PDB file of all heavy atoms in Angstrom:
ATOM      1  N   PRO A   1     -20.249 -24.991   7.984  1.00  0.00           N
ATOM      2  CA  PRO A   1     -19.679 -23.615   8.134  1.00  0.00           C
ATOM      3  C   PRO A   1     -20.758 -22.764   8.790  1.00  0.00           C
ATOM      4  O   PRO A   1     -21.957 -23.134   8.691  1.00  0.00           O
ATOM      5  CB  PRO A   1     -19.261 -23.145   6.756  1.00  0.00           C
ATOM      6  CG  PRO A   1     -20.144 -23.841   5.800  1.00  0.00           C
ATOM      7  CD  PRO A   1     -20.255 -25.257   6.461  1.00  0.00           C
ATOM      8  N   LEU A   2     -20.389 -21.669   9.407  1.00  0.00           N
ATOM      9  CA  LEU A   2     -21.199 -20.751  10.015  1.00  0.00           C
ATOM     10  C   LEU A   2     -21.923 -19.840   9.065  1.00  0.00           C
ATOM     11  O   LEU A   2     -21.221 -19.341   8.030  1.00  0.00           O
ATOM     12  CB  LEU A   2     -20.477 -19.865  11.069  1.00  0.00           C
ATOM     13  CG  LEU A   2     -21.139 -18.708  11.738  1.00  0.00           C
ATOM     14  CD1 LEU A   2     -22.308 -19.237  12.706  1.00  0.00           C
ATOM     15  CD2 LEU A   2     -20.197 -17.900  12.560  1.00  0.00           C
ATOM     16  N   LEU A   3     -23.157 -19.658   9.072  1.00  0.00           N
ATOM     17  CA  LEU A   3     -23.876 -18.642   8.416  1.00  0.00           C
ATOM     18  C   LEU A   3     -24.316 -17.468   9.349  1.00  0.00           C
ATOM     19  O   LEU A   3     -25.305 -17.821  10.083  1.00  0.00           O
ATOM     20  CB  LEU A   3     -25.174 -19.278   7.632  1.00  0.00           C
ATOM     21  CG  LEU A   3     -25.915 -18.406   6.750  1.00  0.00           C
ATOM     22  CD1 LEU A   3     -25.208 -17.758   5.587  1.00  0.00           C
ATOM     23  CD2 LEU A   3     -27.097 -19.081   6.214  1.00  0.00           C
ATOM     24  N   SER A   4     -23.763 -16.412   9.301  1.00  0.00           N
ATOM     25  CA  SER A   4     -24.121 -15.323  10.138  1.00  0.00           C
ATOM     26  C   SER A   4     -25.337 -14.402   9.735  1.00  0.00           C
ATOM     27  O   SER A   4     -25.913 -13.776  10.558  1.00  0.00           O
ATOM     28  CB  SER A   4     -22.875 -14.471  10.549  1.00  0.00           C
ATOM     29  OG  SER A   4     -22.343 -13.929   9.259  1.00  0.00           O
ATOM     30  N   SER A   5     -25.512 -14.382   8.394  1.00  0.00           N
ATOM     31  CA  SER A   5     -26.523 -13.571   7.790  1.00  0.00           C
ATOM     32  C   SER A   5     -26.997 -13.897   6.480  1.00  0.00           C
ATOM     33  O   SER A   5     -26.203 -14.509   5.703  1.00  0.00           O
ATOM     34  CB  SER A   5     -25.905 -12.015   7.913  1.00  0.00           C
ATOM     35  OG  SER A   5     -26.952 -11.188   7.251  1.00  0.00           O
ATOM     36  N   LEU A   6     -28.201 -13.735   6.203  1.00  0.00           N
ATOM     37  CA  LEU A   6     -28.866 -14.000   4.869  1.00  0.00           C
ATOM     38  C   LEU A   6     -29.018 -12.677   4.085  1.00  0.00           C
ATOM     39  O   LEU A   6     -29.453 -12.680   2.968  1.00  0.00           O
ATOM     40  CB  LEU A   6     -30.123 -14.651   4.992  1.00  0.00           C
ATOM     41  CG  LEU A   6     -30.144 -16.158   5.372  1.00  0.00           C
ATOM     42  CD1 LEU A   6     -31.444 -16.639   5.770  1.00  0.00           C
ATOM     43  CD2 LEU A   6     -29.502 -17.060   4.171  1.00  0.00           C
ATOM     44  N   ARG A   7     -28.428 -11.620   4.672  1.00  0.00           N
ATOM     45  CA  ARG A   7     -28.648 -10.348   3.954  1.00  0.00           C
ATOM     46  C   ARG A   7     -27.705 -10.302   2.753  1.00  0.00           C
ATOM     47  O   ARG A   7     -26.647 -10.837   2.749  1.00  0.00           O
ATOM     48  CB  ARG A   7     -28.262  -9.189   4.879  1.00  0.00           C
ATOM     49  CG  ARG A   7     -29.291  -8.977   5.999  1.00  0.00           C
ATOM     50  CD  ARG A   7     -28.971  -7.668   6.761  1.00  0.00           C
ATOM     51  NE  ARG A   7     -29.987  -7.403   7.826  1.00  0.00           N
ATOM     52  CZ  ARG A   7     -29.981  -7.821   8.958  1.00  0.00           C
ATOM     53  NH1 ARG A   7     -28.903  -8.659   9.379  1.00  0.00           N
ATOM     54  NH2 ARG A   7     -30.923  -7.571   9.848  1.00  0.00           N
ATOM     55  N   LEU A   8     -28.232  -9.610   1.675  1.00  0.00           N
ATOM     56  CA  LEU A   8     -27.411  -9.505   0.451  1.00  0.00           C
ATOM     57  C   LEU A   8     -26.220  -8.567   0.807  1.00  0.00           C
ATOM     58  O   LEU A   8     -26.370  -7.526   1.426  1.00  0.00           O
ATOM     59  CB  LEU A   8     -28.193  -8.890  -0.671  1.00  0.00           C
ATOM     60  CG  LEU A   8     -28.984  -9.846  -1.397  1.00  0.00           C
ATOM     61  CD1 LEU A   8     -29.818  -9.154  -2.477  1.00  0.00           C
ATOM     62  CD2 LEU A   8     -28.180 -11.020  -2.174  1.00  0.00           C
ATOM     63  N   THR A   9     -25.056  -8.878   0.319  1.00  0.00           N
ATOM     64  CA  THR A   9     -23.901  -8.004   0.480  1.00  0.00           C
ATOM     65  C   THR A   9     -23.295  -7.664  -0.946  1.00  0.00           C
ATOM     66  O   THR A   9     -23.705  -8.197  -1.932  1.00  0.00           O
ATOM     67  CB  THR A   9     -22.791  -8.716   1.287  1.00  0.00           C
ATOM     68  OG1 THR A   9     -22.187  -9.828   0.453  1.00  0.00           O
ATOM     69  CG2 THR A   9     -23.353  -9.234   2.611  1.00  0.00           C
ATOM     70  N   ALA A  10     -22.530  -6.662  -0.943  1.00  0.00           N
ATOM     71  CA  ALA A  10     -21.921  -6.271  -2.173  1.00  0.00           C
ATOM     72  C   ALA A  10     -21.190  -7.367  -2.869  1.00  0.00           C
ATOM     73  O   ALA A  10     -21.144  -7.648  -4.050  1.00  0.00           O
ATOM     74  CB  ALA A  10     -20.897  -5.130  -1.903  1.00  0.00           C
ATOM     75  N   LEU A  11     -20.596  -8.282  -2.025  1.00  0.00           N
ATOM     76  CA  LEU A  11     -19.878  -9.406  -2.604  1.00  0.00           C
ATOM     77  C   LEU A  11     -20.873 -10.376  -3.273  1.00  0.00           C
ATOM     78  O   LEU A  11     -20.579 -11.018  -4.301  1.00  0.00           O
ATOM     79  CB  LEU A  11     -19.058 -10.186  -1.619  1.00  0.00           C
ATOM     80  CG  LEU A  11     -18.219 -11.316  -1.967  1.00  0.00           C
ATOM     81  CD1 LEU A  11     -17.079 -10.776  -3.075  1.00  0.00           C
ATOM     82  CD2 LEU A  11     -17.461 -11.967  -0.887  1.00  0.00           C
ATOM     83  N   ASP A  12     -21.969 -10.762  -2.713  1.00  0.00           N
ATOM     84  CA  ASP A  12     -22.966 -11.461  -3.246  1.00  0.00           C
ATOM     85  C   ASP A  12     -23.487 -10.965  -4.569  1.00  0.00           C
ATOM     86  O   ASP A  12     -23.766 -11.791  -5.527  1.00  0.00           O
ATOM     87  CB  ASP A  12     -24.229 -11.497  -2.403  1.00  0.00           C
ATOM     88  CG  ASP A  12     -23.961 -12.222  -1.025  1.00  0.00           C
ATOM     89  OD1 ASP A  12     -23.296 -13.212  -1.077  1.00  0.00           O
ATOM     90  OD2 ASP A  12     -24.555 -11.694  -0.054  1.00  0.00           O
ATOM     91  N   MET A  13     -23.672  -9.655  -4.842  1.00  0.00           N
ATOM     92  CA  MET A  13     -24.082  -9.184  -6.037  1.00  0.00           C
ATOM     93  C   MET A  13     -23.037  -8.765  -6.991  1.00  0.00           C
ATOM     94  O   MET A  13     -23.348  -8.365  -8.151  1.00  0.00           O
ATOM     95  CB  MET A  13     -25.002  -7.932  -5.673  1.00  0.00           C
ATOM     96  CG  MET A  13     -26.130  -8.096  -4.857  1.00  0.00           C
ATOM     97  SD  MET A  13     -27.160  -6.696  -4.642  1.00  0.00           S
ATOM     98  CE  MET A  13     -26.232  -5.909  -3.278  1.00  0.00           C
ATOM     99  N   SER A  14     -21.710  -8.884  -6.729  1.00  0.00           N
ATOM    100  CA  SER A  14     -20.661  -8.436  -7.542  1.00  0.00           C
ATOM    101  C   SER A  14     -20.540  -9.493  -8.703  1.00  0.00           C
ATOM    102  O   SER A  14     -20.881 -10.631  -8.562  1.00  0.00           O
ATOM    103  CB  SER A  14     -19.427  -8.307  -6.778  1.00  0.00           C
ATOM    104  OG  SER A  14     -18.945  -9.534  -6.330  1.00  0.00           O
ATOM    105  N   LYS A  15     -20.019  -8.968  -9.707  1.00  0.00           N
ATOM    106  CA  LYS A  15     -19.690  -9.772 -11.007  1.00  0.00           C
ATOM    107  C   LYS A  15     -18.132  -9.907 -10.903  1.00  0.00           C
ATOM    108  O   LYS A  15     -17.368  -9.106 -10.605  1.00  0.00           O
ATOM    109  CB  LYS A  15     -20.092  -9.055 -12.194  1.00  0.00           C
ATOM    110  CG  LYS A  15     -21.625  -8.987 -12.289  1.00  0.00           C
ATOM    111  CD  LYS A  15     -21.938  -8.318 -13.652  1.00  0.00           C
ATOM    112  CE  LYS A  15     -23.427  -8.239 -13.839  1.00  0.00           C
ATOM    113  NZ  LYS A  15     -24.251  -7.580 -12.820  1.00  0.00           N
ATOM    114  N   GLN A  16     -17.743 -11.112 -11.373  1.00  0.00           N
ATOM    115  CA  GLN A  16     -16.256 -11.460 -11.604  1.00  0.00           C
ATOM    116  C   GLN A  16     -16.022 -11.236 -13.072  1.00  0.00           C
ATOM    117  O   GLN A  16     -16.493 -11.445 -14.018  1.00  0.00           O
ATOM    118  CB  GLN A  16     -15.984 -12.880 -11.313  1.00  0.00           C
ATOM    119  CG  GLN A  16     -16.434 -13.396  -9.872  1.00  0.00           C
ATOM    120  CD  GLN A  16     -15.755 -12.516  -8.736  1.00  0.00           C
ATOM    121  OE1 GLN A  16     -14.623 -12.326  -8.699  1.00  0.00           O
ATOM    122  NE2 GLN A  16     -16.551 -12.015  -7.919  1.00  0.00           N
ATOM    123  N   LEU A  17     -14.854 -10.175 -13.131  1.00  0.00           N
ATOM    124  CA  LEU A  17     -14.484  -9.738 -14.412  1.00  0.00           C
ATOM    125  C   LEU A  17     -13.036 -10.015 -14.783  1.00  0.00           C
ATOM    126  O   LEU A  17     -12.252 -10.230 -13.867  1.00  0.00           O
ATOM    127  CB  LEU A  17     -14.637  -8.149 -14.476  1.00  0.00           C
ATOM    128  CG  LEU A  17     -16.066  -7.568 -14.187  1.00  0.00           C
ATOM    129  CD1 LEU A  17     -15.998  -6.054 -14.115  1.00  0.00           C
ATOM    130  CD2 LEU A  17     -16.966  -8.104 -15.230  1.00  0.00           C
ATOM    131  N   THR A  18     -12.729 -10.059 -16.098  1.00  0.00           N
ATOM    132  CA  THR A  18     -11.298 -10.121 -16.463  1.00  0.00           C
ATOM    133  C   THR A  18     -10.576  -8.817 -16.197  1.00  0.00           C
ATOM    134  O   THR A  18     -11.285  -7.757 -16.514  1.00  0.00           O
ATOM    135  CB  THR A  18     -11.272 -10.544 -17.999  1.00  0.00           C
ATOM    136  OG1 THR A  18     -11.924 -11.791 -18.186  1.00  0.00           O
ATOM    137  CG2 THR A  18      -9.880 -10.503 -18.471  1.00  0.00           C
ATOM    138  N   SER A  19      -9.452  -8.989 -15.810  1.00  0.00           N
ATOM    139  CA  SER A  19      -8.780  -7.700 -15.417  1.00  0.00           C
ATOM    140  C   SER A  19      -7.559  -7.529 -16.213  1.00  0.00           C
ATOM    141  O   SER A  19      -7.056  -8.465 -17.019  1.00  0.00           O
ATOM    142  CB  SER A  19      -8.317  -7.717 -13.937  1.00  0.00           C
ATOM    143  OG  SER A  19      -7.374  -8.812 -13.729  1.00  0.00           O
ATOM    144  N   LEU A  20      -6.968  -6.368 -16.281  1.00  0.00           N
ATOM    145  CA  LEU A  20      -5.685  -6.106 -17.018  1.00  0.00           C
ATOM    146  C   LEU A  20      -4.732  -5.374 -16.137  1.00  0.00           C
ATOM    147  O   LEU A  20      -5.144  -4.877 -15.070  1.00  0.00           O
ATOM    148  CB  LEU A  20      -5.952  -5.075 -18.294  1.00  0.00           C
ATOM    149  CG  LEU A  20      -6.863  -5.615 -19.415  1.00  0.00           C
ATOM    150  CD1 LEU A  20      -7.080  -4.599 -20.401  1.00  0.00           C
ATOM    151  CD2 LEU A  20      -6.106  -6.904 -20.069  1.00  0.00           C
ATOM    152  N   ASP A  21      -3.428  -5.382 -16.445  1.00  0.00           N
ATOM    153  CA  ASP A  21      -2.420  -4.638 -15.668  1.00  0.00           C
ATOM    154  C   ASP A  21      -2.253  -3.241 -16.387  1.00  0.00           C
ATOM    155  O   ASP A  21      -2.876  -2.935 -17.493  1.00  0.00           O
ATOM    156  CB  ASP A  21      -1.129  -5.389 -15.495  1.00  0.00           C
ATOM    157  CG  ASP A  21      -0.415  -5.599 -16.858  1.00  0.00           C
ATOM    158  OD1 ASP A  21      -0.374  -4.545 -17.812  1.00  0.00           O
ATOM    159  OD2 ASP A  21       0.041  -6.734 -17.141  1.00  0.00           O
ATOM    160  N   GLU A  22      -1.691  -2.411 -15.653  1.00  0.00           N
ATOM    161  CA  GLU A  22      -1.594  -0.951 -16.018  1.00  0.00           C
ATOM    162  C   GLU A  22      -0.726  -0.710 -17.348  1.00  0.00           C
ATOM    163  O   GLU A  22      -0.900   0.261 -17.999  1.00  0.00           O
ATOM    164  CB  GLU A  22      -0.903  -0.120 -15.011  1.00  0.00           C
ATOM    165  CG  GLU A  22       0.536  -0.596 -14.626  1.00  0.00           C
ATOM    166  CD  GLU A  22       0.937   0.329 -13.442  1.00  0.00           C
ATOM    167  OE1 GLU A  22       0.536   1.458 -13.171  1.00  0.00           O
ATOM    168  OE2 GLU A  22       1.969  -0.053 -12.691  1.00  0.00           O
ATOM    169  N   LYS A  23      -0.109  -1.805 -17.887  1.00  0.00           N
ATOM    170  CA  LYS A  23       0.755  -1.699 -19.113  1.00  0.00           C
ATOM    171  C   LYS A  23       0.015  -2.195 -20.169  1.00  0.00           C
ATOM    172  O   LYS A  23       0.470  -2.204 -21.446  1.00  0.00           O
ATOM    173  CB  LYS A  23       1.934  -2.508 -19.042  1.00  0.00           C
ATOM    174  CG  LYS A  23       3.141  -1.710 -18.038  1.00  0.00           C
ATOM    175  CD  LYS A  23       4.433  -2.326 -17.964  1.00  0.00           C
ATOM    176  CE  LYS A  23       5.396  -1.634 -17.142  1.00  0.00           C
ATOM    177  NZ  LYS A  23       6.807  -2.235 -17.171  1.00  0.00           N
ATOM    178  N   ALA A  24      -1.265  -2.783 -19.970  1.00  0.00           N
ATOM    179  CA  ALA A  24      -2.071  -3.153 -21.225  1.00  0.00           C
ATOM    180  C   ALA A  24      -2.463  -1.992 -22.137  1.00  0.00           C
ATOM    181  O   ALA A  24      -2.613  -0.883 -21.717  1.00  0.00           O
ATOM    182  CB  ALA A  24      -3.387  -3.813 -20.654  1.00  0.00           C
ATOM    183  N   THR A  25      -2.515  -2.293 -23.386  1.00  0.00           N
ATOM    184  CA  THR A  25      -2.770  -1.280 -24.401  1.00  0.00           C
ATOM    185  C   THR A  25      -4.234  -0.934 -24.622  1.00  0.00           C
ATOM    186  O   THR A  25      -5.055  -1.633 -24.184  1.00  0.00           O
ATOM    187  CB  THR A  25      -2.189  -1.601 -25.786  1.00  0.00           C
ATOM    188  OG1 THR A  25      -2.919  -2.806 -26.249  1.00  0.00           O
ATOM    189  CG2 THR A  25      -0.726  -2.126 -25.684  1.00  0.00           C
ATOM    190  N   PHE A  26      -4.482   0.238 -25.229  1.00  0.00           N
ATOM    191  CA  PHE A  26      -5.859   0.538 -25.492  1.00  0.00           C
ATOM    192  C   PHE A  26      -6.459  -0.516 -26.481  1.00  0.00           C
ATOM    193  O   PHE A  26      -7.676  -0.833 -26.368  1.00  0.00           O
ATOM    194  CB  PHE A  26      -5.929   1.923 -26.212  1.00  0.00           C
ATOM    195  CG  PHE A  26      -5.917   3.098 -25.269  1.00  0.00           C
ATOM    196  CD1 PHE A  26      -5.368   3.079 -24.110  1.00  0.00           C
ATOM    197  CD2 PHE A  26      -6.486   4.332 -25.715  1.00  0.00           C
ATOM    198  CE1 PHE A  26      -5.415   4.113 -23.176  1.00  0.00           C
ATOM    199  CE2 PHE A  26      -6.528   5.453 -24.937  1.00  0.00           C
ATOM    200  CZ  PHE A  26      -5.954   5.289 -23.641  1.00  0.00           C
ATOM    201  N   LEU A  27      -5.638  -1.046 -27.176  1.00  0.00           N
ATOM    202  CA  LEU A  27      -6.034  -2.178 -28.143  1.00  0.00           C
ATOM    203  C   LEU A  27      -6.635  -3.291 -27.460  1.00  0.00           C
ATOM    204  O   LEU A  27      -7.711  -3.860 -27.567  1.00  0.00           O
ATOM    205  CB  LEU A  27      -5.003  -2.569 -29.289  1.00  0.00           C
ATOM    206  CG  LEU A  27      -5.324  -3.588 -30.243  1.00  0.00           C
ATOM    207  CD1 LEU A  27      -6.504  -3.123 -31.097  1.00  0.00           C
ATOM    208  CD2 LEU A  27      -4.222  -4.007 -31.028  1.00  0.00           C
ATOM    209  N   GLU A  28      -5.863  -3.766 -26.375  1.00  0.00           N
ATOM    210  CA  GLU A  28      -6.329  -4.906 -25.620  1.00  0.00           C
ATOM    211  C   GLU A  28      -7.498  -4.559 -24.722  1.00  0.00           C
ATOM    212  O   GLU A  28      -8.426  -5.285 -24.751  1.00  0.00           O
ATOM    213  CB  GLU A  28      -5.200  -5.266 -24.566  1.00  0.00           C
ATOM    214  CG  GLU A  28      -3.985  -5.866 -25.283  1.00  0.00           C
ATOM    215  CD  GLU A  28      -2.829  -6.032 -24.247  1.00  0.00           C
ATOM    216  OE1 GLU A  28      -2.106  -5.048 -23.847  1.00  0.00           O
ATOM    217  OE2 GLU A  28      -2.445  -7.114 -23.873  1.00  0.00           O
ATOM    218  N   ALA A  29      -7.520  -3.393 -24.247  1.00  0.00           N
ATOM    219  CA  ALA A  29      -8.678  -2.901 -23.462  1.00  0.00           C
ATOM    220  C   ALA A  29      -9.850  -2.801 -24.254  1.00  0.00           C
ATOM    221  O   ALA A  29     -11.067  -3.240 -23.976  1.00  0.00           O
ATOM    222  CB  ALA A  29      -8.413  -1.595 -22.790  1.00  0.00           C
ATOM    223  N   SER A  30      -9.893  -2.260 -25.603  1.00  0.00           N
ATOM    224  CA  SER A  30     -10.973  -2.093 -26.478  1.00  0.00           C
ATOM    225  C   SER A  30     -11.568  -3.482 -26.923  1.00  0.00           C
ATOM    226  O   SER A  30     -12.680  -3.594 -26.934  1.00  0.00           O
ATOM    227  CB  SER A  30     -10.685  -1.383 -27.722  1.00  0.00           C
ATOM    228  OG  SER A  30      -9.629  -2.033 -28.483  1.00  0.00           O
ATOM    229  N   LYS A  31     -10.709  -4.456 -26.990  1.00  0.00           N
ATOM    230  CA  LYS A  31     -11.144  -5.820 -27.336  1.00  0.00           C
ATOM    231  C   LYS A  31     -11.830  -6.446 -26.225  1.00  0.00           C
ATOM    232  O   LYS A  31     -12.840  -7.077 -26.262  1.00  0.00           O
ATOM    233  CB  LYS A  31      -9.981  -6.692 -27.779  1.00  0.00           C
ATOM    234  CG  LYS A  31      -9.467  -6.388 -29.058  1.00  0.00           C
ATOM    235  CD  LYS A  31      -8.290  -7.191 -29.503  1.00  0.00           C
ATOM    236  CE  LYS A  31      -7.700  -6.991 -30.861  1.00  0.00           C
ATOM    237  NZ  LYS A  31      -6.566  -7.775 -31.241  1.00  0.00           N
ATOM    238  N   LEU A  32     -11.483  -6.171 -24.863  1.00  0.00           N
ATOM    239  CA  LEU A  32     -12.057  -6.799 -23.795  1.00  0.00           C
ATOM    240  C   LEU A  32     -13.337  -5.966 -23.440  1.00  0.00           C
ATOM    241  O   LEU A  32     -14.225  -6.541 -22.988  1.00  0.00           O
ATOM    242  CB  LEU A  32     -11.085  -6.567 -22.576  1.00  0.00           C
ATOM    243  CG  LEU A  32     -11.655  -7.160 -21.280  1.00  0.00           C
ATOM    244  CD1 LEU A  32     -11.851  -8.702 -21.380  1.00  0.00           C
ATOM    245  CD2 LEU A  32     -10.373  -6.971 -20.226  1.00  0.00           C
ATOM    246  N   LEU A  33     -13.440  -4.726 -23.767  1.00  0.00           N
ATOM    247  CA  LEU A  33     -14.572  -3.948 -23.536  1.00  0.00           C
ATOM    248  C   LEU A  33     -15.706  -4.385 -24.431  1.00  0.00           C
ATOM    249  O   LEU A  33     -16.954  -3.971 -24.166  1.00  0.00           O
ATOM    250  CB  LEU A  33     -14.358  -2.449 -23.699  1.00  0.00           C
ATOM    251  CG  LEU A  33     -13.541  -1.861 -22.547  1.00  0.00           C
ATOM    252  CD1 LEU A  33     -13.047  -0.443 -22.843  1.00  0.00           C
ATOM    253  CD2 LEU A  33     -14.390  -1.799 -21.231  1.00  0.00           C
ATOM    254  N   GLU A  34     -15.420  -5.103 -25.554  1.00  0.00           N
ATOM    255  CA  GLU A  34     -16.560  -5.682 -26.245  1.00  0.00           C
ATOM    256  C   GLU A  34     -17.352  -6.881 -25.577  1.00  0.00           C
ATOM    257  O   GLU A  34     -18.427  -7.087 -25.828  1.00  0.00           O
ATOM    258  CB  GLU A  34     -15.934  -6.305 -27.621  1.00  0.00           C
ATOM    259  CG  GLU A  34     -15.362  -5.174 -28.533  1.00  0.00           C
ATOM    260  CD  GLU A  34     -14.643  -5.887 -29.694  1.00  0.00           C
ATOM    261  OE1 GLU A  34     -14.810  -7.105 -29.882  1.00  0.00           O
ATOM    262  OE2 GLU A  34     -14.307  -5.167 -30.591  1.00  0.00           O
ATOM    263  N   LYS A  35     -16.686  -7.342 -24.443  1.00  0.00           N
ATOM    264  CA  LYS A  35     -17.206  -8.468 -23.609  1.00  0.00           C
ATOM    265  C   LYS A  35     -17.684  -7.958 -22.336  1.00  0.00           C
ATOM    266  O   LYS A  35     -18.677  -8.646 -21.707  1.00  0.00           O
ATOM    267  CB  LYS A  35     -16.289  -9.440 -23.516  1.00  0.00           C
ATOM    268  CG  LYS A  35     -15.531 -10.043 -24.807  1.00  0.00           C
ATOM    269  CD  LYS A  35     -14.494 -10.967 -24.617  1.00  0.00           C
ATOM    270  CE  LYS A  35     -13.924 -11.558 -25.743  1.00  0.00           C
ATOM    271  NZ  LYS A  35     -12.653 -12.502 -25.590  1.00  0.00           N
ATOM    272  N   GLN A  36     -17.188  -7.008 -21.791  1.00  0.00           N
ATOM    273  CA  GLN A  36     -17.611  -6.386 -20.385  1.00  0.00           C
ATOM    274  C   GLN A  36     -17.562  -4.918 -20.449  1.00  0.00           C
ATOM    275  O   GLN A  36     -16.728  -4.312 -21.172  1.00  0.00           O
ATOM    276  CB  GLN A  36     -16.709  -7.044 -19.286  1.00  0.00           C
ATOM    277  CG  GLN A  36     -15.295  -6.717 -19.501  1.00  0.00           C
ATOM    278  CD  GLN A  36     -14.462  -7.530 -18.513  1.00  0.00           C
ATOM    279  OE1 GLN A  36     -14.412  -8.806 -18.488  1.00  0.00           O
ATOM    280  NE2 GLN A  36     -13.527  -6.865 -17.680  1.00  0.00           N
ATOM    281  N   LYS A  37     -18.362  -4.303 -19.585  1.00  0.00           N
ATOM    282  CA  LYS A  37     -18.542  -2.773 -19.776  1.00  0.00           C
ATOM    283  C   LYS A  37     -17.419  -2.153 -18.990  1.00  0.00           C
ATOM    284  O   LYS A  37     -17.272  -0.970 -19.173  1.00  0.00           O
ATOM    285  CB  LYS A  37     -19.846  -2.509 -19.154  1.00  0.00           C
ATOM    286  CG  LYS A  37     -20.997  -3.079 -19.764  1.00  0.00           C
ATOM    287  CD  LYS A  37     -22.451  -2.702 -18.994  1.00  0.00           C
ATOM    288  CE  LYS A  37     -23.604  -3.431 -19.610  1.00  0.00           C
ATOM    289  NZ  LYS A  37     -24.891  -3.119 -18.843  1.00  0.00           N
ATOM    290  N   VAL A  38     -16.729  -2.754 -17.976  1.00  0.00           N
ATOM    291  CA  VAL A  38     -15.704  -1.951 -17.328  1.00  0.00           C
ATOM    292  C   VAL A  38     -14.618  -3.054 -17.226  1.00  0.00           C
ATOM    293  O   VAL A  38     -14.699  -4.165 -16.961  1.00  0.00           O
ATOM    294  CB  VAL A  38     -16.279  -1.508 -16.058  1.00  0.00           C
ATOM    295  CG1 VAL A  38     -16.764  -2.680 -15.216  1.00  0.00           C
ATOM    296  CG2 VAL A  38     -15.223  -0.617 -15.225  1.00  0.00           C
ATOM    297  N   ILE A  39     -13.319  -2.417 -16.953  1.00  0.00           N
ATOM    298  CA  ILE A  39     -12.138  -3.364 -16.727  1.00  0.00           C
ATOM    299  C   ILE A  39     -11.426  -2.966 -15.423  1.00  0.00           C
ATOM    300  O   ILE A  39     -11.084  -1.632 -15.356  1.00  0.00           O
ATOM    301  CB  ILE A  39     -11.144  -3.178 -17.833  1.00  0.00           C
ATOM    302  CG1 ILE A  39     -11.760  -3.578 -19.354  1.00  0.00           C
ATOM    303  CG2 ILE A  39      -9.906  -3.969 -17.678  1.00  0.00           C
ATOM    304  CD1 ILE A  39     -10.973  -3.337 -20.460  1.00  0.00           C
ATOM    305  N   PRO A  40     -11.334  -3.802 -14.480  1.00  0.00           N
ATOM    306  CA  PRO A  40     -10.591  -3.467 -13.325  1.00  0.00           C
ATOM    307  C   PRO A  40      -9.065  -3.562 -13.745  1.00  0.00           C
ATOM    308  O   PRO A  40      -8.609  -4.501 -14.461  1.00  0.00           O
ATOM    309  CB  PRO A  40     -10.861  -4.589 -12.422  1.00  0.00           C
ATOM    310  CG  PRO A  40     -11.445  -5.684 -13.215  1.00  0.00           C
ATOM    311  CD  PRO A  40     -11.994  -5.154 -14.423  1.00  0.00           C
ATOM    312  N   VAL A  41      -8.216  -2.699 -13.320  1.00  0.00           N
ATOM    313  CA  VAL A  41      -6.944  -2.665 -13.523  1.00  0.00           C
ATOM    314  C   VAL A  41      -6.052  -3.046 -12.198  1.00  0.00           C
ATOM    315  O   VAL A  41      -6.340  -2.241 -11.222  1.00  0.00           O
ATOM    316  CB  VAL A  41      -6.390  -1.271 -14.064  1.00  0.00           C
ATOM    317  CG1 VAL A  41      -4.850  -1.318 -14.308  1.00  0.00           C
ATOM    318  CG2 VAL A  41      -7.077  -0.800 -15.409  1.00  0.00           C
ATOM    319  N   LEU A  42      -5.410  -4.173 -12.197  1.00  0.00           N
ATOM    320  CA  LEU A  42      -4.885  -4.653 -10.983  1.00  0.00           C
ATOM    321  C   LEU A  42      -3.304  -4.781 -11.085  1.00  0.00           C
ATOM    322  O   LEU A  42      -2.805  -4.912 -12.043  1.00  0.00           O
ATOM    323  CB  LEU A  42      -5.447  -6.063 -10.718  1.00  0.00           C
ATOM    324  CG  LEU A  42      -6.957  -6.329 -10.803  1.00  0.00           C
ATOM    325  CD1 LEU A  42      -7.292  -7.641 -10.414  1.00  0.00           C
ATOM    326  CD2 LEU A  42      -7.668  -5.232  -9.767  1.00  0.00           C
ATOM    327  N   LYS A  43      -2.824  -4.772  -9.875  1.00  0.00           N
ATOM    328  CA  LYS A  43      -1.339  -5.038  -9.722  1.00  0.00           C
ATOM    329  C   LYS A  43      -1.222  -5.990  -8.422  1.00  0.00           C
ATOM    330  O   LYS A  43      -1.559  -5.575  -7.390  1.00  0.00           O
ATOM    331  CB  LYS A  43      -0.544  -3.762  -9.548  1.00  0.00           C
ATOM    332  CG  LYS A  43       0.964  -4.024  -9.384  1.00  0.00           C
ATOM    333  CD  LYS A  43       1.854  -2.787  -9.316  1.00  0.00           C
ATOM    334  CE  LYS A  43       3.246  -2.888  -9.260  1.00  0.00           C
ATOM    335  NZ  LYS A  43       3.965  -1.732  -9.323  1.00  0.00           N
ATOM    336  N   SER A  44      -0.847  -7.129  -8.626  1.00  0.00           N
ATOM    337  CA  SER A  44      -0.893  -8.121  -7.530  1.00  0.00           C
ATOM    338  C   SER A  44      -2.119  -8.331  -6.840  1.00  0.00           C
ATOM    339  O   SER A  44      -2.258  -8.238  -5.552  1.00  0.00           O
ATOM    340  CB  SER A  44       0.263  -7.739  -6.581  1.00  0.00           C
ATOM    341  OG  SER A  44       1.586  -7.757  -7.091  1.00  0.00           O
ATOM    342  N   ASP A  45      -3.157  -8.283  -7.678  1.00  0.00           N
ATOM    343  CA  ASP A  45      -4.599  -8.525  -7.105  1.00  0.00           C
ATOM    344  C   ASP A  45      -5.121  -7.219  -6.460  1.00  0.00           C
ATOM    345  O   ASP A  45      -6.218  -7.290  -5.939  1.00  0.00           O
ATOM    346  CB  ASP A  45      -4.741  -9.649  -6.158  1.00  0.00           C
ATOM    347  CG  ASP A  45      -4.502 -10.943  -7.000  1.00  0.00           C
ATOM    348  OD1 ASP A  45      -4.842 -11.088  -8.256  1.00  0.00           O
ATOM    349  OD2 ASP A  45      -4.015 -12.058  -6.436  1.00  0.00           O
TER     350      ASP A  45
END
């Protein structure tokens, strides 16, 4: 494959996190926040 740059990008430094949907409860969120500092809320990715 083509390598166009060796510069660091936001994607290179990003972390993959567990997400929740908007109907998830505070209880679900609080349990997940014990494992990660922030939760992305997604709908269809």
